[in-house]
N, C-alpha and C. Protein backbone atom coordinates (compact mmCIF):
# COMPACT_ATOMS: atom_id res chain seq x y z
N MET A 1 -16.17 -44.38 -51.39
CA MET A 1 -15.25 -42.58 -51.93
C MET A 1 -14.41 -41.99 -50.53
N ALA A 2 -12.69 -42.41 -50.68
CA ALA A 2 -12.63 -42.13 -49.12
C ALA A 2 -12.10 -40.30 -50.28
N PRO A 3 -11.93 -39.58 -49.48
CA PRO A 3 -11.81 -37.69 -49.47
C PRO A 3 -9.72 -37.51 -49.75
N ASP A 4 -9.91 -36.85 -51.11
CA ASP A 4 -8.40 -36.58 -51.42
C ASP A 4 -7.62 -35.65 -50.36
N LYS A 5 -6.72 -36.70 -49.88
CA LYS A 5 -5.25 -36.27 -49.32
C LYS A 5 -5.59 -35.27 -48.84
N ASN A 6 -5.20 -34.40 -50.34
CA ASN A 6 -4.45 -32.81 -50.98
C ASN A 6 -5.65 -31.97 -49.92
N SER A 7 -6.93 -32.61 -50.28
CA SER A 7 -8.53 -31.65 -49.49
C SER A 7 -8.63 -31.13 -48.53
N MET A 8 -8.40 -33.07 -47.91
CA MET A 8 -8.40 -33.27 -46.39
C MET A 8 -7.07 -32.33 -45.84
N GLU A 9 -6.02 -31.99 -46.12
CA GLU A 9 -5.14 -31.07 -45.94
C GLU A 9 -4.74 -29.83 -45.37
N SER A 10 -5.87 -29.39 -47.27
CA SER A 10 -6.49 -27.83 -46.95
C SER A 10 -6.80 -27.92 -46.20
N ARG A 11 -7.98 -28.35 -45.54
CA ARG A 11 -9.59 -28.43 -45.14
C ARG A 11 -7.99 -27.99 -43.31
N LEU A 12 -7.80 -29.10 -42.64
CA LEU A 12 -7.14 -28.64 -41.91
C LEU A 12 -6.05 -27.90 -41.90
N ALA A 13 -5.86 -27.30 -43.09
CA ALA A 13 -5.38 -26.12 -42.72
C ALA A 13 -5.97 -24.88 -42.85
N ASP A 14 -6.96 -24.80 -42.89
CA ASP A 14 -7.79 -23.72 -43.06
C ASP A 14 -8.40 -24.09 -41.52
N VAL A 15 -9.03 -24.70 -41.53
CA VAL A 15 -9.44 -24.91 -39.15
C VAL A 15 -7.63 -24.54 -38.79
N GLU A 16 -7.17 -24.74 -39.45
CA GLU A 16 -5.89 -24.13 -38.46
C GLU A 16 -5.40 -22.60 -38.20
N GLU A 17 -5.99 -22.40 -39.23
CA GLU A 17 -5.66 -20.60 -39.75
C GLU A 17 -6.88 -20.23 -39.39
N GLU A 18 -8.12 -20.97 -38.71
CA GLU A 18 -9.12 -20.30 -37.74
C GLU A 18 -8.59 -20.61 -36.61
N LEU A 19 -8.27 -21.55 -36.35
CA LEU A 19 -7.91 -21.56 -34.78
C LEU A 19 -6.99 -20.27 -34.21
N ARG A 20 -5.53 -20.12 -34.98
CA ARG A 20 -4.83 -19.49 -34.73
C ARG A 20 -5.47 -18.16 -34.68
N ARG A 21 -7.04 -17.65 -35.96
CA ARG A 21 -7.28 -16.29 -35.41
C ARG A 21 -7.98 -16.12 -34.08
N ILE A 22 -8.96 -17.00 -33.94
CA ILE A 22 -9.59 -16.91 -32.61
C ILE A 22 -8.57 -17.10 -31.47
N LYS A 23 -7.95 -17.78 -31.35
CA LYS A 23 -6.69 -17.43 -30.21
C LYS A 23 -6.56 -16.41 -30.12
N GLN A 24 -6.42 -15.32 -30.93
CA GLN A 24 -5.44 -14.44 -30.90
C GLN A 24 -6.69 -13.59 -30.50
N LEU A 25 -8.00 -13.44 -30.82
CA LEU A 25 -8.71 -12.44 -30.70
C LEU A 25 -9.03 -12.90 -29.13
N LEU A 26 -8.69 -14.13 -28.54
CA LEU A 26 -9.20 -13.71 -27.26
C LEU A 26 -8.07 -13.53 -26.57
N ALA A 27 -6.81 -13.19 -26.94
CA ALA A 27 -5.54 -12.63 -25.46
C ALA A 27 -5.73 -10.94 -26.41
N VAL A 28 -5.74 -11.13 -27.54
CA VAL A 28 -6.47 -9.12 -27.71
C VAL A 28 -7.11 -8.59 -26.59
N GLN A 29 -8.43 -9.38 -26.02
CA GLN A 29 -9.50 -9.36 -24.84
C GLN A 29 -8.66 -8.68 -23.60
N GLY A 30 -8.19 -9.21 -23.45
CA GLY A 30 -7.70 -9.65 -22.53
C GLY A 30 -7.77 -10.09 -20.81
N GLY A 31 -8.95 -11.59 -21.55
CA GLY A 31 -9.39 -12.47 -20.94
C GLY A 31 -10.43 -11.78 -19.91
N THR A 32 -10.96 -10.34 -19.66
CA THR A 32 -12.05 -10.42 -19.33
C THR A 32 -13.91 -11.02 -19.84
N PRO A 33 -14.34 -11.72 -19.38
CA PRO A 33 -15.94 -12.19 -19.26
C PRO A 33 -16.84 -11.49 -20.30
N TRP A 34 -17.05 -11.94 -21.02
CA TRP A 34 -18.18 -11.02 -21.17
C TRP A 34 -19.76 -10.30 -21.09
N TRP A 35 -19.48 -11.19 -19.47
CA TRP A 35 -20.62 -11.23 -18.80
C TRP A 35 -20.15 -9.77 -18.21
N LYS A 36 -18.78 -9.14 -17.63
CA LYS A 36 -18.46 -8.30 -17.67
C LYS A 36 -18.28 -6.90 -17.76
N GLN A 37 -18.14 -7.63 -19.70
CA GLN A 37 -18.09 -5.90 -19.84
C GLN A 37 -19.16 -5.26 -20.79
N MET A 38 -20.26 -5.95 -20.30
CA MET A 38 -22.09 -6.22 -20.10
C MET A 38 -22.56 -4.74 -19.21
N VAL A 39 -21.86 -5.09 -17.79
CA VAL A 39 -22.31 -4.47 -16.21
C VAL A 39 -22.07 -3.17 -16.75
N GLY A 40 -23.72 -2.64 -16.38
CA GLY A 40 -24.02 -0.94 -16.94
C GLY A 40 -24.09 -0.88 -18.75
N SER A 41 -24.33 -1.13 -19.01
CA SER A 41 -24.65 -1.20 -20.50
C SER A 41 -26.01 -0.56 -20.94
N HIS A 42 -27.28 -1.05 -19.51
CA HIS A 42 -28.07 -0.40 -19.73
C HIS A 42 -28.38 0.63 -18.95
N GLU A 43 -27.40 0.96 -18.07
CA GLU A 43 -28.30 1.76 -17.08
C GLU A 43 -28.88 3.44 -17.88
N ASN A 44 -30.39 3.40 -17.11
CA ASN A 44 -30.97 4.78 -17.88
C ASN A 44 -31.40 4.69 -19.23
N ASP A 45 -32.13 3.03 -19.32
CA ASP A 45 -32.79 1.97 -20.33
C ASP A 45 -34.16 2.11 -19.98
N PRO A 46 -34.73 2.87 -20.14
CA PRO A 46 -36.31 2.59 -19.48
C PRO A 46 -36.76 1.25 -20.79
N VAL A 47 -36.47 0.49 -21.18
CA VAL A 47 -37.20 -0.11 -22.56
C VAL A 47 -36.67 -1.78 -20.84
N PHE A 48 -35.65 -1.64 -20.94
CA PHE A 48 -35.06 -2.89 -20.36
C PHE A 48 -35.36 -2.50 -18.10
N ALA A 49 -35.62 -1.07 -18.48
CA ALA A 49 -35.73 -0.87 -16.10
C ALA A 49 -37.42 -2.07 -16.82
N GLU A 50 -38.28 -1.70 -17.90
CA GLU A 50 -39.61 -2.04 -17.98
C GLU A 50 -39.33 -3.66 -17.96
N ILE A 51 -38.46 -4.95 -18.16
CA ILE A 51 -38.23 -5.34 -18.51
C ILE A 51 -38.30 -5.88 -17.15
N VAL A 52 -37.30 -5.68 -16.03
CA VAL A 52 -37.05 -6.27 -14.90
C VAL A 52 -38.33 -5.65 -13.89
N ARG A 53 -39.28 -4.46 -14.47
CA ARG A 53 -40.20 -4.96 -13.77
C ARG A 53 -40.98 -6.10 -13.91
N LEU A 54 -41.22 -5.96 -15.28
CA LEU A 54 -42.38 -7.44 -15.52
C LEU A 54 -42.10 -8.43 -15.01
N GLY A 55 -40.57 -8.81 -15.08
CA GLY A 55 -39.50 -10.54 -14.31
C GLY A 55 -40.04 -9.82 -12.70
N ARG A 56 -40.59 -8.82 -12.41
CA ARG A 56 -40.37 -8.85 -10.87
C ARG A 56 -41.70 -9.49 -10.64
N ALA A 57 -42.68 -8.58 -11.50
CA ALA A 57 -44.56 -8.55 -11.50
C ALA A 57 -44.48 -10.12 -11.34
N ILE A 58 -43.63 -10.89 -12.60
CA ILE A 58 -44.22 -12.12 -12.61
C ILE A 58 -43.77 -13.60 -11.30
N ARG A 59 -42.66 -13.05 -10.81
CA ARG A 59 -42.25 -13.88 -9.85
C ARG A 59 -42.42 -13.81 -8.27
N GLN A 60 -43.36 -12.01 -8.31
CA GLN A 60 -43.75 -12.08 -6.86
C GLN A 60 -44.96 -12.80 -7.20
N GLY A 61 -45.86 -12.44 -8.50
CA GLY A 61 -46.70 -13.77 -8.46
C GLY A 61 -46.54 -14.81 -8.23
N ARG A 62 -45.80 -14.90 -8.58
CA ARG A 62 -45.90 -17.08 -8.49
C ARG A 62 -45.58 -17.51 -7.08
N ARG A 63 -44.73 -15.90 -6.37
CA ARG A 63 -44.39 -16.19 -4.83
C ARG A 63 -45.85 -16.22 -3.86
N ARG A 64 -46.83 -15.58 -4.81
CA ARG A 64 -48.34 -15.50 -4.22
C ARG A 64 -49.54 -16.45 -4.35
N GLY A 65 -48.33 -17.12 -5.63
CA GLY A 65 -49.13 -18.58 -6.02
C GLY A 65 -50.65 -17.46 -7.51
N GLY A 66 -50.18 -16.30 -7.66
CA GLY A 66 -51.12 -16.12 -8.97
C GLY A 66 -51.11 -16.53 -9.95
N LYS A 67 -51.22 -15.63 -11.17
CA LYS A 67 -50.96 -16.24 -12.77
C LYS A 67 -49.64 -15.45 -12.82
N ASN A 68 -49.25 -16.38 -13.52
CA ASN A 68 -47.62 -15.61 -14.01
C ASN A 68 -47.92 -14.61 -15.53
N ARG A 69 -48.28 -13.71 -15.01
CA ARG A 69 -47.86 -12.76 -15.50
C ARG A 69 -48.61 -11.52 -14.96
N PRO A 70 -47.98 -10.10 -15.20
CA PRO A 70 -48.56 -9.05 -13.95
C PRO A 70 -49.60 -8.76 -14.30
N ALA A 71 -49.90 -8.02 -13.67
CA ALA A 71 -52.00 -7.44 -13.53
C ALA A 71 -52.05 -6.08 -14.98
N SER A 72 -50.00 -5.50 -14.74
CA SER A 72 -50.61 -4.33 -15.85
C SER A 72 -49.28 -4.22 -16.76
N SER A 73 -48.63 -3.42 -17.07
CA SER A 73 -48.19 -3.37 -17.94
C SER A 73 -47.39 -2.28 -18.49
N LYS A 74 -47.64 -0.70 -17.31
CA LYS A 74 -47.69 0.85 -17.55
C LYS A 74 -46.06 0.45 -18.10
N ARG A 75 -45.82 1.30 -18.15
CA ARG A 75 -44.10 1.85 -19.16
C ARG A 75 -43.33 2.69 -18.04
N VAL A 76 -42.24 2.61 -17.35
CA VAL A 76 -41.59 2.96 -16.22
C VAL A 76 -41.47 4.37 -16.58
N ARG A 77 -41.40 5.60 -16.18
CA ARG A 77 -40.20 6.58 -16.53
C ARG A 77 -38.99 6.69 -16.88
N LYS A 78 -38.27 7.01 -17.43
CA LYS A 78 -36.99 7.48 -17.39
C LYS A 78 -36.19 7.74 -16.44
N GLY A 79 -35.37 7.02 -15.13
CA GLY A 79 -34.83 7.39 -14.73
C GLY A 79 -35.75 7.26 -12.89
N ALA A 80 -36.58 5.98 -13.19
CA ALA A 80 -37.28 5.67 -12.34
C ALA A 80 -36.41 5.01 -11.23
N ASP A 81 -36.87 5.05 -9.55
CA ASP A 81 -35.95 4.54 -8.75
C ASP A 81 -36.59 2.41 -9.53
N ARG A 82 -35.66 2.04 -9.13
CA ARG A 82 -35.39 0.32 -8.94
C ARG A 82 -35.97 0.16 -7.37
N GLU A 83 -36.23 -0.98 -7.07
CA GLU A 83 -36.70 -2.05 -6.34
C GLU A 83 -35.53 -2.65 -6.20
């Protein structure tokens, strides 16, 4: 059974309205990429510092032919130096 013409026109109008809203939101944002908006958002965050430390340990272990996980999971002190 074919969809009702009025129903299809109504659905198309809804999609066009939503597209208009999305375009309007994108224009307001000024075109700054989302990843540039995130820069610095994890500064001085001890949890993020721990994630970075563990990721680095995993990568270094792979380069040395070691296991895929770090030897320890010590917490990073707030304000700890980054490598």
